[in-house]
């Protein structure tokens, strides 16, 4: 038995639509059968590159009984409506991150998946990033003792591109890279977020962007751990990708990806810094897990109920930035 997949939103040649097409094609138990792309020129490219049938409209995809699952690679504000449309037609859904724009949308998506007995998941592929996996492993192993602060930063100096510049499409660094950052921090915390204080800056790129150009979040978790997340388009100097403070040690990783993590600890009564090689990861595991969940009943790794919590943090951050006060995470 094979799961017939259609990628929705092919985009530019050899972009994310192509990458999702490859992942679906290379996953045991899945078969790429089509691409849906409203732009005629891009649709022609998809047909040539992927060698599958194409659709101009989502309505045609959901009406096709041969389609079992859709992978949504579309602007963030379309994740919820297209996912709900597909699930109402009995299709499984994997959507790019973020899951959606608001908690209300997340709740409707989860309810629709349950009502129609279909799988809903989110492409949080950066749970398999080498830097994150290694940092979390060292924390879980107790190498730094009780963690009380996790700092994470992503960004640089330059505007976002395309629809990501616009609030109406659910754009902005918080919902783009921030979807990964907050999801990773939630996995490290291992407990629900309690409250969020956020500051949004609108500077420099305001002629081309109406989303925050610098976002700073402080998040308190029920476990007592705090996290600081920085998502920015106006940072000239870099911040560490990861800085972890524990009672018995700390971790520092200046950039994402592989390499090493600096491990600060005590050896023989003296402060020491060791370089720990990043662990190897399997980036194909997410898609394979989805197939094995649908076909074999294996536990889903990226559960929508868990990802909903990230969206709740987004909601709290937007409210906090507006009111200037810390906001409880609902």
C-alpha atoms as a PDB file:
ATOM      1  CA  UNK A   1       0.000   0.000   0.000  1.00  0.00           C
ATOM      2  CA  UNK A   2       1.250   3.470  -0.870  1.00  0.00           C
ATOM      3  CA  UNK A   3       0.198   6.981   0.153  1.00  0.00           C
ATOM      4  CA  UNK A   4      -0.397   9.118  -2.931  1.00  0.00           C
ATOM      5  CA  UNK A   5       0.884  12.642  -2.281  1.00  0.00           C
ATOM      6  CA  UNK A   6       0.247  15.954  -4.020  1.00  0.00           C
ATOM      7  CA  UNK A   7       2.487  18.932  -3.281  1.00  0.00           C
ATOM      8  CA  UNK A   8       0.431  22.131  -3.125  1.00  0.00           C
ATOM      9  CA  UNK A   9       2.332  25.341  -3.907  1.00  0.00           C
ATOM     10  CA  UNK A  10       5.334  24.422  -6.054  1.00  0.00           C
ATOM     11  CA  UNK A  11       6.769  27.930  -6.160  1.00  0.00           C
ATOM     12  CA  UNK A  12      10.063  28.720  -7.850  1.00  0.00           C
ATOM     13  CA  UNK A  13      11.965  25.996  -9.668  1.00  0.00           C
ATOM     14  CA  UNK A  14      14.010  23.812  -7.318  1.00  0.00           C
ATOM     15  CA  UNK A  15      12.631  25.612  -4.259  1.00  0.00           C
ATOM     16  CA  UNK A  16      10.704  24.185  -1.306  1.00  0.00           C
ATOM     17  CA  UNK A  17       8.020  22.660  -3.542  1.00  0.00           C
ATOM     18  CA  UNK A  18      10.681  20.638  -5.322  1.00  0.00           C
ATOM     19  CA  UNK A  19      12.273  19.619  -2.030  1.00  0.00           C
ATOM     20  CA  UNK A  20       8.962  18.366  -0.636  1.00  0.00           C
ATOM     21  CA  UNK A  21       8.385  16.515  -3.905  1.00  0.00           C
ATOM     22  CA  UNK A  22      11.728  14.770  -3.451  1.00  0.00           C
ATOM     23  CA  UNK A  23      11.020  13.883   0.185  1.00  0.00           C
ATOM     24  CA  UNK A  24       7.628  12.409  -0.729  1.00  0.00           C
ATOM     25  CA  UNK A  25       9.153  10.477  -3.624  1.00  0.00           C
ATOM     26  CA  UNK A  26      12.027   9.110  -1.530  1.00  0.00           C
ATOM     27  CA  UNK A  27       9.900   8.041   1.456  1.00  0.00           C
ATOM     28  CA  UNK A  28       9.079   4.349   1.725  1.00  0.00           C
ATOM     29  CA  UNK A  29       5.307   3.990   1.572  1.00  0.00           C
ATOM     30  CA  UNK A  30       4.724   7.275  -0.264  1.00  0.00           C
ATOM     31  CA  UNK A  31       4.373   8.138  -3.918  1.00  0.00           C
ATOM     32  CA  UNK A  32       4.406  11.614  -5.446  1.00  0.00           C
ATOM     33  CA  UNK A  33       1.484  11.706  -7.878  1.00  0.00           C
ATOM     34  CA  UNK A  34       0.963  15.405  -8.536  1.00  0.00           C
ATOM     35  CA  UNK A  35       1.725  19.068  -7.990  1.00  0.00           C
ATOM     36  CA  UNK A  36      -0.822  21.854  -7.530  1.00  0.00           C
ATOM     37  CA  UNK A  37       0.349  25.311  -8.599  1.00  0.00           C
ATOM     38  CA  UNK A  38      -1.922  28.201  -9.697  1.00  0.00           C
ATOM     39  CA  UNK A  39       0.846  29.925 -11.657  1.00  0.00           C
ATOM     40  CA  UNK A  40       0.844  28.455 -15.183  1.00  0.00           C
ATOM     41  CA  UNK A  41       4.550  28.977 -15.823  1.00  0.00           C
ATOM     42  CA  UNK A  42       5.545  27.346 -12.549  1.00  0.00           C
ATOM     43  CA  UNK A  43       3.064  24.571 -13.199  1.00  0.00           C
ATOM     44  CA  UNK A  44       4.851  23.782 -16.483  1.00  0.00           C
ATOM     45  CA  UNK A  45       8.181  23.685 -14.663  1.00  0.00           C
ATOM     46  CA  UNK A  46       6.743  21.333 -12.056  1.00  0.00           C
ATOM     47  CA  UNK A  47       5.417  18.987 -14.745  1.00  0.00           C
ATOM     48  CA  UNK A  48       8.810  18.914 -16.465  1.00  0.00           C
ATOM     49  CA  UNK A  49      10.973  18.583 -13.346  1.00  0.00           C
ATOM     50  CA  UNK A  50       8.806  16.199 -11.323  1.00  0.00           C
ATOM     51  CA  UNK A  51       7.250  14.219 -14.158  1.00  0.00           C
ATOM     52  CA  UNK A  52       3.806  14.059 -12.525  1.00  0.00           C
ATOM     53  CA  UNK A  53       0.367  15.414 -13.282  1.00  0.00           C
ATOM     54  CA  UNK A  54      -0.435  18.964 -12.275  1.00  0.00           C
ATOM     55  CA  UNK A  55      -3.459  20.804 -10.908  1.00  0.00           C
ATOM     56  CA  UNK A  56      -4.294  24.487 -11.234  1.00  0.00           C
ATOM     57  CA  UNK A  57      -6.684  24.605  -8.264  1.00  0.00           C
ATOM     58  CA  UNK A  58      -6.963  23.033  -4.825  1.00  0.00           C
ATOM     59  CA  UNK A  59     -10.578  22.146  -5.636  1.00  0.00           C
ATOM     60  CA  UNK A  60      -9.300  19.730  -8.287  1.00  0.00           C
ATOM     61  CA  UNK A  61      -6.911  18.112  -5.799  1.00  0.00           C
ATOM     62  CA  UNK A  62      -9.502  17.429  -3.110  1.00  0.00           C
ATOM     63  CA  UNK A  63     -11.940  16.115  -5.723  1.00  0.00           C
ATOM     64  CA  UNK A  64      -9.420  13.508  -6.897  1.00  0.00           C
ATOM     65  CA  UNK A  65     -10.090  10.199  -5.113  1.00  0.00           C
ATOM     66  CA  UNK A  66      -6.600   9.016  -6.104  1.00  0.00           C
ATOM     67  CA  UNK A  67      -5.004  11.565  -3.744  1.00  0.00           C
ATOM     68  CA  UNK A  68      -4.405  10.443  -0.145  1.00  0.00           C
ATOM     69  CA  UNK A  69      -2.315  13.290   1.256  1.00  0.00           C
ATOM     70  CA  UNK A  70      -1.355  16.875   0.490  1.00  0.00           C
ATOM     71  CA  UNK A  71       1.809  18.723   1.446  1.00  0.00           C
ATOM     72  CA  UNK A  72       1.116  22.449   1.776  1.00  0.00           C
ATOM     73  CA  UNK A  73       3.923  24.846   0.814  1.00  0.00           C
ATOM     74  CA  UNK A  74       1.902  28.060   0.665  1.00  0.00           C
ATOM     75  CA  UNK A  75       1.826  31.453   2.459  1.00  0.00           C
ATOM     76  CA  UNK A  76       1.207  31.088   6.184  1.00  0.00           C
ATOM     77  CA  UNK A  77      -2.303  32.567   6.109  1.00  0.00           C
ATOM     78  CA  UNK A  78      -3.384  29.768   3.722  1.00  0.00           C
ATOM     79  CA  UNK A  79      -2.235  26.870   5.891  1.00  0.00           C
ATOM     80  CA  UNK A  80      -5.443  26.629   7.915  1.00  0.00           C
ATOM     81  CA  UNK A  81      -8.052  27.070   5.147  1.00  0.00           C
ATOM     82  CA  UNK A  82      -6.337  24.710   2.700  1.00  0.00           C
ATOM     83  CA  UNK A  83      -5.601  22.110   5.385  1.00  0.00           C
ATOM     84  CA  UNK A  84      -9.221  22.175   6.538  1.00  0.00           C
ATOM     85  CA  UNK A  85     -10.469  21.887   2.955  1.00  0.00           C
ATOM     86  CA  UNK A  86      -8.226  18.870   2.350  1.00  0.00           C
ATOM     87  CA  UNK A  87      -9.110  17.142   5.621  1.00  0.00           C
ATOM     88  CA  UNK A  88     -12.836  17.657   5.041  1.00  0.00           C
ATOM     89  CA  UNK A  89     -12.270  15.692   1.826  1.00  0.00           C
ATOM     90  CA  UNK A  90     -10.585  12.891   3.758  1.00  0.00           C
ATOM     91  CA  UNK A  91      -6.997  13.758   2.870  1.00  0.00           C
ATOM     92  CA  UNK A  92      -4.056  13.583   5.268  1.00  0.00           C
ATOM     93  CA  UNK A  93      -2.124  16.849   5.599  1.00  0.00           C
ATOM     94  CA  UNK A  94       1.458  17.851   6.198  1.00  0.00           C
ATOM     95  CA  UNK A  95       1.830  21.604   6.208  1.00  0.00           C
ATOM     96  CA  UNK A  96       4.941  23.721   6.204  1.00  0.00           C
ATOM     97  CA  UNK A  97       5.613  25.622   9.404  1.00  0.00           C
ATOM     98  CA  UNK A  98       4.125  27.488  11.101  1.00  0.00           C
ATOM     99  CA  UNK A  99       1.071  25.316  11.578  1.00  0.00           C
ATOM    100  CA  UNK A 100      -1.118  28.410  11.097  1.00  0.00           C
ATOM    101  CA  UNK A 101      -1.392  32.033  12.204  1.00  0.00           C
ATOM    102  CA  UNK A 102      -3.652  31.923  15.287  1.00  0.00           C
ATOM    103  CA  UNK A 103      -4.671  29.496  18.032  1.00  0.00           C
ATOM    104  CA  UNK A 104      -8.267  29.634  16.808  1.00  0.00           C
ATOM    105  CA  UNK A 105      -7.074  28.295  13.458  1.00  0.00           C
ATOM    106  CA  UNK A 106      -4.998  25.603  15.168  1.00  0.00           C
ATOM    107  CA  UNK A 107      -8.002  24.432  17.190  1.00  0.00           C
ATOM    108  CA  UNK A 108     -10.160  24.242  14.062  1.00  0.00           C
ATOM    109  CA  UNK A 109      -7.479  22.288  12.206  1.00  0.00           C
ATOM    110  CA  UNK A 110      -7.092  19.779  15.046  1.00  0.00           C
ATOM    111  CA  UNK A 111     -10.855  19.362  15.388  1.00  0.00           C
ATOM    112  CA  UNK A 112     -11.206  18.798  11.636  1.00  0.00           C
ATOM    113  CA  UNK A 113      -8.478  16.151  11.630  1.00  0.00           C
ATOM    114  CA  UNK A 114     -10.164  14.318  14.515  1.00  0.00           C
ATOM    115  CA  UNK A 115     -13.618  14.562  12.956  1.00  0.00           C
ATOM    116  CA  UNK A 116     -12.436  13.110   9.637  1.00  0.00           C
ATOM    117  CA  UNK A 117      -9.993  10.586  11.166  1.00  0.00           C
ATOM    118  CA  UNK A 118      -7.032  11.863   9.135  1.00  0.00           C
ATOM    119  CA  UNK A 119      -3.439  12.692  10.023  1.00  0.00           C
ATOM    120  CA  UNK A 120      -2.390  16.301  10.483  1.00  0.00           C
ATOM    121  CA  UNK A 121       1.233  17.244  11.070  1.00  0.00           C
ATOM    122  CA  UNK A 122       3.622  20.150  10.569  1.00  0.00           C
ATOM    123  CA  UNK A 123       6.943  20.118   8.767  1.00  0.00           C
ATOM    124  CA  UNK A 124       9.121  21.027  11.740  1.00  0.00           C
ATOM    125  CA  UNK A 125      12.213  19.606  10.070  1.00  0.00           C
ATOM    126  CA  UNK A 126      14.534  21.638  12.292  1.00  0.00           C
ATOM    127  CA  UNK A 127      13.838  19.289  15.182  1.00  0.00           C
ATOM    128  CA  UNK A 128      16.498  17.288  13.318  1.00  0.00           C
ATOM    129  CA  UNK A 129      19.052  20.132  13.049  1.00  0.00           C
ATOM    130  CA  UNK A 130      22.437  18.955  14.293  1.00  0.00           C
ATOM    131  CA  UNK A 131      22.976  21.965  16.545  1.00  0.00           C
ATOM    132  CA  UNK A 132      19.572  21.628  18.238  1.00  0.00           C
ATOM    133  CA  UNK A 133      19.742  17.842  18.593  1.00  0.00           C
ATOM    134  CA  UNK A 134      23.190  18.072  20.186  1.00  0.00           C
ATOM    135  CA  UNK A 135      22.258  20.889  22.558  1.00  0.00           C
ATOM    136  CA  UNK A 136      19.102  19.055  23.661  1.00  0.00           C
ATOM    137  CA  UNK A 137      21.030  15.786  24.078  1.00  0.00           C
ATOM    138  CA  UNK A 138      23.613  17.416  26.354  1.00  0.00           C
ATOM    139  CA  UNK A 139      20.834  19.017  28.414  1.00  0.00           C
ATOM    140  CA  UNK A 140      18.866  15.759  28.650  1.00  0.00           C
ATOM    141  CA  UNK A 141      22.027  13.916  29.737  1.00  0.00           C
ATOM    142  CA  UNK A 142      22.351  16.310  32.673  1.00  0.00           C
ATOM    143  CA  UNK A 143      25.679  17.705  31.494  1.00  0.00           C
ATOM    144  CA  UNK A 144      24.888  21.241  32.662  1.00  0.00           C
ATOM    145  CA  UNK A 145      22.646  20.423  35.604  1.00  0.00           C
ATOM    146  CA  UNK A 146      19.311  22.194  35.955  1.00  0.00           C
ATOM    147  CA  UNK A 147      18.825  24.616  33.065  1.00  0.00           C
ATOM    148  CA  UNK A 148      17.401  27.986  34.038  1.00  0.00           C
ATOM    149  CA  UNK A 149      18.003  30.019  30.859  1.00  0.00           C
ATOM    150  CA  UNK A 150      18.061  29.180  27.156  1.00  0.00           C
ATOM    151  CA  UNK A 151      18.882  31.879  24.621  1.00  0.00           C
ATOM    152  CA  UNK A 152      18.427  31.450  20.894  1.00  0.00           C
ATOM    153  CA  UNK A 153      18.848  33.940  18.060  1.00  0.00           C
ATOM    154  CA  UNK A 154      18.368  33.919  14.299  1.00  0.00           C
ATOM    155  CA  UNK A 155      18.680  36.786  11.868  1.00  0.00           C
ATOM    156  CA  UNK A 156      20.935  39.322  10.252  1.00  0.00           C
ATOM    157  CA  UNK A 157      20.704  42.572   8.353  1.00  0.00           C
ATOM    158  CA  UNK A 158      18.367  42.538   5.373  1.00  0.00           C
ATOM    159  CA  UNK A 159      14.648  42.507   4.576  1.00  0.00           C
ATOM    160  CA  UNK A 160      12.498  39.435   4.179  1.00  0.00           C
ATOM    161  CA  UNK A 161      11.486  38.468   0.656  1.00  0.00           C
ATOM    162  CA  UNK A 162       8.138  38.202  -1.099  1.00  0.00           C
ATOM    163  CA  UNK A 163       4.941  37.620   0.854  1.00  0.00           C
ATOM    164  CA  UNK A 164       6.888  37.042   4.082  1.00  0.00           C
ATOM    165  CA  UNK A 165       7.229  40.829   4.313  1.00  0.00           C
ATOM    166  CA  UNK A 166       3.482  41.276   4.816  1.00  0.00           C
ATOM    167  CA  UNK A 167       1.296  40.782   7.883  1.00  0.00           C
ATOM    168  CA  UNK A 168      -1.733  39.905   5.747  1.00  0.00           C
ATOM    169  CA  UNK A 169       0.040  36.719   4.679  1.00  0.00           C
ATOM    170  CA  UNK A 170       1.126  35.823   8.211  1.00  0.00           C
ATOM    171  CA  UNK A 171       4.663  37.002   7.465  1.00  0.00           C
ATOM    172  CA  UNK A 172       7.464  38.195   9.715  1.00  0.00           C
ATOM    173  CA  UNK A 173      10.505  36.553  11.280  1.00  0.00           C
ATOM    174  CA  UNK A 174       8.562  35.391  14.345  1.00  0.00           C
ATOM    175  CA  UNK A 175       6.275  33.187  12.268  1.00  0.00           C
ATOM    176  CA  UNK A 176       9.014  32.227   9.809  1.00  0.00           C
ATOM    177  CA  UNK A 177      12.284  31.318  11.537  1.00  0.00           C
ATOM    178  CA  UNK A 178      10.611  31.919  14.874  1.00  0.00           C
ATOM    179  CA  UNK A 179       8.350  28.935  14.252  1.00  0.00           C
ATOM    180  CA  UNK A 180      11.457  26.738  14.365  1.00  0.00           C
ATOM    181  CA  UNK A 181      13.121  28.575  17.237  1.00  0.00           C
ATOM    182  CA  UNK A 182      10.086  28.542  19.526  1.00  0.00           C
ATOM    183  CA  UNK A 183       9.322  24.905  18.683  1.00  0.00           C
ATOM    184  CA  UNK A 184      12.895  23.937  19.554  1.00  0.00           C
ATOM    185  CA  UNK A 185      12.806  25.876  22.825  1.00  0.00           C
ATOM    186  CA  UNK A 186       9.497  24.216  23.774  1.00  0.00           C
ATOM    187  CA  UNK A 187      11.085  20.786  23.179  1.00  0.00           C
ATOM    188  CA  UNK A 188      13.996  21.711  25.450  1.00  0.00           C
ATOM    189  CA  UNK A 189      11.744  23.095  28.196  1.00  0.00           C
ATOM    190  CA  UNK A 190       9.634  19.959  28.314  1.00  0.00           C
ATOM    191  CA  UNK A 191       6.814  21.885  29.985  1.00  0.00           C
ATOM    192  CA  UNK A 192       4.186  24.396  28.880  1.00  0.00           C
ATOM    193  CA  UNK A 193       5.015  28.068  28.580  1.00  0.00           C
ATOM    194  CA  UNK A 194       3.500  30.156  31.344  1.00  0.00           C
ATOM    195  CA  UNK A 195       3.820  33.737  30.124  1.00  0.00           C
ATOM    196  CA  UNK A 196       5.468  35.812  27.409  1.00  0.00           C
ATOM    197  CA  UNK A 197       6.873  39.319  27.291  1.00  0.00           C
ATOM    198  CA  UNK A 198       7.590  40.573  23.782  1.00  0.00           C
ATOM    199  CA  UNK A 199       8.969  43.681  22.136  1.00  0.00           C
ATOM    200  CA  UNK A 200       8.452  44.315  18.416  1.00  0.00           C
ATOM    201  CA  UNK A 201      10.565  46.920  16.632  1.00  0.00           C
ATOM    202  CA  UNK A 202       9.613  48.427  13.283  1.00  0.00           C
ATOM    203  CA  UNK A 203      12.800  49.954  11.886  1.00  0.00           C
ATOM    204  CA  UNK A 204      14.877  50.310   8.700  1.00  0.00           C
ATOM    205  CA  UNK A 205      12.861  48.096   6.338  1.00  0.00           C
ATOM    206  CA  UNK A 206       9.466  49.708   6.983  1.00  0.00           C
ATOM    207  CA  UNK A 207       9.240  50.875   3.356  1.00  0.00           C
ATOM    208  CA  UNK A 208       9.012  47.257   2.175  1.00  0.00           C
ATOM    209  CA  UNK A 209       7.820  45.390   5.306  1.00  0.00           C
ATOM    210  CA  UNK A 210       4.820  45.950   7.584  1.00  0.00           C
ATOM    211  CA  UNK A 211       5.831  43.116   9.952  1.00  0.00           C
ATOM    212  CA  UNK A 212       8.227  43.572  12.899  1.00  0.00           C
ATOM    213  CA  UNK A 213      11.826  43.912  11.776  1.00  0.00           C
ATOM    214  CA  UNK A 214      13.191  42.975  15.210  1.00  0.00           C
ATOM    215  CA  UNK A 215      11.414  40.697  17.686  1.00  0.00           C
ATOM    216  CA  UNK A 216      12.526  39.972  21.241  1.00  0.00           C
ATOM    217  CA  UNK A 217      10.714  37.417  23.424  1.00  0.00           C
ATOM    218  CA  UNK A 218      11.141  36.431  27.056  1.00  0.00           C
ATOM    219  CA  UNK A 219       9.269  33.217  27.864  1.00  0.00           C
ATOM    220  CA  UNK A 220       8.707  31.740  31.323  1.00  0.00           C
ATOM    221  CA  UNK A 221       7.903  28.028  31.456  1.00  0.00           C
ATOM    222  CA  UNK A 222       5.991  26.205  34.169  1.00  0.00           C
ATOM    223  CA  UNK A 223       9.163  24.251  34.987  1.00  0.00           C
ATOM    224  CA  UNK A 224      10.826  27.509  36.037  1.00  0.00           C
ATOM    225  CA  UNK A 225      13.070  27.695  32.966  1.00  0.00           C
ATOM    226  CA  UNK A 226      13.262  30.979  31.080  1.00  0.00           C
ATOM    227  CA  UNK A 227      14.030  31.464  27.413  1.00  0.00           C
ATOM    228  CA  UNK A 228      15.032  34.446  25.345  1.00  0.00           C
ATOM    229  CA  UNK A 229      14.377  34.366  21.609  1.00  0.00           C
ATOM    230  CA  UNK A 230      15.651  36.966  19.158  1.00  0.00           C
ATOM    231  CA  UNK A 231      14.366  37.073  15.581  1.00  0.00           C
ATOM    232  CA  UNK A 232      15.715  39.986  13.614  1.00  0.00           C
ATOM    233  CA  UNK A 233      16.258  41.622  10.245  1.00  0.00           C
ATOM    234  CA  UNK A 234      18.247  44.558  11.607  1.00  0.00           C
ATOM    235  CA  UNK A 235      21.174  42.960  13.435  1.00  0.00           C
ATOM    236  CA  UNK A 236      24.635  43.898  12.196  1.00  0.00           C
ATOM    237  CA  UNK A 237      26.655  41.804  14.710  1.00  0.00           C
ATOM    238  CA  UNK A 238      25.618  38.196  15.387  1.00  0.00           C
ATOM    239  CA  UNK A 239      24.322  36.634  18.581  1.00  0.00           C
ATOM    240  CA  UNK A 240      24.940  32.965  19.432  1.00  0.00           C
ATOM    241  CA  UNK A 241      22.541  30.529  17.864  1.00  0.00           C
ATOM    242  CA  UNK A 242      22.421  28.842  21.294  1.00  0.00           C
ATOM    243  CA  UNK A 243      23.515  29.934  24.773  1.00  0.00           C
ATOM    244  CA  UNK A 244      22.395  27.641  27.592  1.00  0.00           C
ATOM    245  CA  UNK A 245      22.919  28.381  31.281  1.00  0.00           C
ATOM    246  CA  UNK A 246      22.726  25.554  33.784  1.00  0.00           C
ATOM    247  CA  UNK A 247      23.624  25.317  37.450  1.00  0.00           C
ATOM    248  CA  UNK A 248      26.535  22.986  36.699  1.00  0.00           C
ATOM    249  CA  UNK A 249      27.662  24.157  33.279  1.00  0.00           C
ATOM    250  CA  UNK A 250      26.716  25.860  30.063  1.00  0.00           C
ATOM    251  CA  UNK A 251      26.592  25.466  26.296  1.00  0.00           C
ATOM    252  CA  UNK A 252      27.480  27.811  23.462  1.00  0.00           C
ATOM    253  CA  UNK A 253      26.921  27.370  19.717  1.00  0.00           C
ATOM    254  CA  UNK A 254      27.586  30.447  17.618  1.00  0.00           C
ATOM    255  CA  UNK A 255      26.044  29.169  14.376  1.00  0.00           C
ATOM    256  CA  UNK A 256      23.411  26.691  13.306  1.00  0.00           C
ATOM    257  CA  UNK A 257      24.196  23.371  11.653  1.00  0.00           C
ATOM    258  CA  UNK A 258      27.044  20.995  12.393  1.00  0.00           C
ATOM    259  CA  UNK A 259      30.492  21.509  13.826  1.00  0.00           C
ATOM    260  CA  UNK A 260      30.914  21.549  17.579  1.00  0.00           C
ATOM    261  CA  UNK A 261      29.119  22.811  20.677  1.00  0.00           C
ATOM    262  CA  UNK A 262      31.273  24.504  23.335  1.00  0.00           C
ATOM    263  CA  UNK A 263      30.616  22.798  26.677  1.00  0.00           C
ATOM    264  CA  UNK A 264      31.555  24.850  29.743  1.00  0.00           C
ATOM    265  CA  UNK A 265      31.989  22.762  32.877  1.00  0.00           C
ATOM    266  CA  UNK A 266      34.272  21.960  35.774  1.00  0.00           C
ATOM    267  CA  UNK A 267      37.075  19.428  35.615  1.00  0.00           C
ATOM    268  CA  UNK A 268      39.185  18.725  38.705  1.00  0.00           C
ATOM    269  CA  UNK A 269      37.990  21.881  40.383  1.00  0.00           C
ATOM    270  CA  UNK A 270      38.942  24.021  37.395  1.00  0.00           C
ATOM    271  CA  UNK A 271      36.730  25.678  34.816  1.00  0.00           C
ATOM    272  CA  UNK A 272      37.070  23.967  31.451  1.00  0.00           C
ATOM    273  CA  UNK A 273      35.687  24.247  27.928  1.00  0.00           C
ATOM    274  CA  UNK A 274      35.291  21.137  25.796  1.00  0.00           C
ATOM    275  CA  UNK A 275      34.268  21.025  22.148  1.00  0.00           C
ATOM    276  CA  UNK A 276      31.566  18.412  21.598  1.00  0.00           C
ATOM    277  CA  UNK A 277      31.043  17.216  18.035  1.00  0.00           C
ATOM    278  CA  UNK A 278      27.482  17.632  16.807  1.00  0.00           C
ATOM    279  CA  UNK A 279      25.483  14.454  16.480  1.00  0.00           C
ATOM    280  CA  UNK A 280      24.541  13.056  13.096  1.00  0.00           C
ATOM    281  CA  UNK A 281      20.838  13.297  12.256  1.00  0.00           C
ATOM    282  CA  UNK A 282      18.481  11.849   9.675  1.00  0.00           C
ATOM    283  CA  UNK A 283      16.609  14.679   7.941  1.00  0.00           C
ATOM    284  CA  UNK A 284      14.365  12.178   6.159  1.00  0.00           C
ATOM    285  CA  UNK A 285      12.920  10.896   9.426  1.00  0.00           C
ATOM    286  CA  UNK A 286       9.982  13.323   9.536  1.00  0.00           C
ATOM    287  CA  UNK A 287       8.431  12.246   6.233  1.00  0.00           C
ATOM    288  CA  UNK A 288       9.145   8.588   6.964  1.00  0.00           C
ATOM    289  CA  UNK A 289       7.507   8.919  10.371  1.00  0.00           C
ATOM    290  CA  UNK A 290       4.359  10.327   8.745  1.00  0.00           C
ATOM    291  CA  UNK A 291       4.190   7.377   6.349  1.00  0.00           C
ATOM    292  CA  UNK A 292       4.797   4.857   9.136  1.00  0.00           C
ATOM    293  CA  UNK A 293       2.166   6.551  11.307  1.00  0.00           C
ATOM    294  CA  UNK A 294      -0.481   6.314   8.577  1.00  0.00           C
ATOM    295  CA  UNK A 295       0.408   2.838   7.326  1.00  0.00           C
ATOM    296  CA  UNK A 296       1.700   1.113  10.467  1.00  0.00           C
ATOM    297  CA  UNK A 297       0.213   3.057  13.349  1.00  0.00           C
ATOM    298  CA  UNK A 298       3.553   4.293  14.670  1.00  0.00           C
ATOM    299  CA  UNK A 299       3.465   7.288  17.003  1.00  0.00           C
ATOM    300  CA  UNK A 300       3.512  10.619  15.229  1.00  0.00           C
ATOM    301  CA  UNK A 301       6.593  12.651  16.169  1.00  0.00           C
ATOM    302  CA  UNK A 302       5.301  16.132  15.329  1.00  0.00           C
ATOM    303  CA  UNK A 303       1.846  16.182  16.891  1.00  0.00           C
ATOM    304  CA  UNK A 304      -0.479  19.087  16.048  1.00  0.00           C
ATOM    305  CA  UNK A 305      -1.544  19.406  19.690  1.00  0.00           C
ATOM    306  CA  UNK A 306       2.093  20.006  20.608  1.00  0.00           C
ATOM    307  CA  UNK A 307       2.697  22.462  17.770  1.00  0.00           C
ATOM    308  CA  UNK A 308      -0.442  24.359  18.785  1.00  0.00           C
ATOM    309  CA  UNK A 309       1.500  25.491  21.857  1.00  0.00           C
ATOM    310  CA  UNK A 310       3.963  27.340  19.629  1.00  0.00           C
ATOM    311  CA  UNK A 311       1.059  29.176  18.009  1.00  0.00           C
ATOM    312  CA  UNK A 312      -0.265  30.055  21.485  1.00  0.00           C
ATOM    313  CA  UNK A 313       3.128  31.614  22.265  1.00  0.00           C
ATOM    314  CA  UNK A 314       2.840  33.635  19.045  1.00  0.00           C
ATOM    315  CA  UNK A 315      -0.590  34.892  20.095  1.00  0.00           C
ATOM    316  CA  UNK A 316       0.716  35.890  23.518  1.00  0.00           C
ATOM    317  CA  UNK A 317       3.724  37.627  21.951  1.00  0.00           C
ATOM    318  CA  UNK A 318       1.565  39.757  19.656  1.00  0.00           C
ATOM    319  CA  UNK A 319      -0.687  40.733  22.561  1.00  0.00           C
ATOM    320  CA  UNK A 320       2.309  41.517  24.780  1.00  0.00           C
ATOM    321  CA  UNK A 321       3.956  43.677  22.118  1.00  0.00           C
ATOM    322  CA  UNK A 322       0.698  45.606  21.779  1.00  0.00           C
ATOM    323  CA  UNK A 323       0.044  46.115  25.495  1.00  0.00           C
ATOM    324  CA  UNK A 324       3.600  46.345  26.796  1.00  0.00           C
ATOM    325  CA  UNK A 325       2.816  43.754  29.467  1.00  0.00           C
ATOM    326  CA  UNK A 326       3.600  40.097  30.047  1.00  0.00           C
ATOM    327  CA  UNK A 327       0.780  37.906  28.748  1.00  0.00           C
ATOM    328  CA  UNK A 328      -0.271  34.434  29.919  1.00  0.00           C
ATOM    329  CA  UNK A 329      -0.087  31.695  27.305  1.00  0.00           C
ATOM    330  CA  UNK A 330      -3.527  30.225  26.696  1.00  0.00           C
END
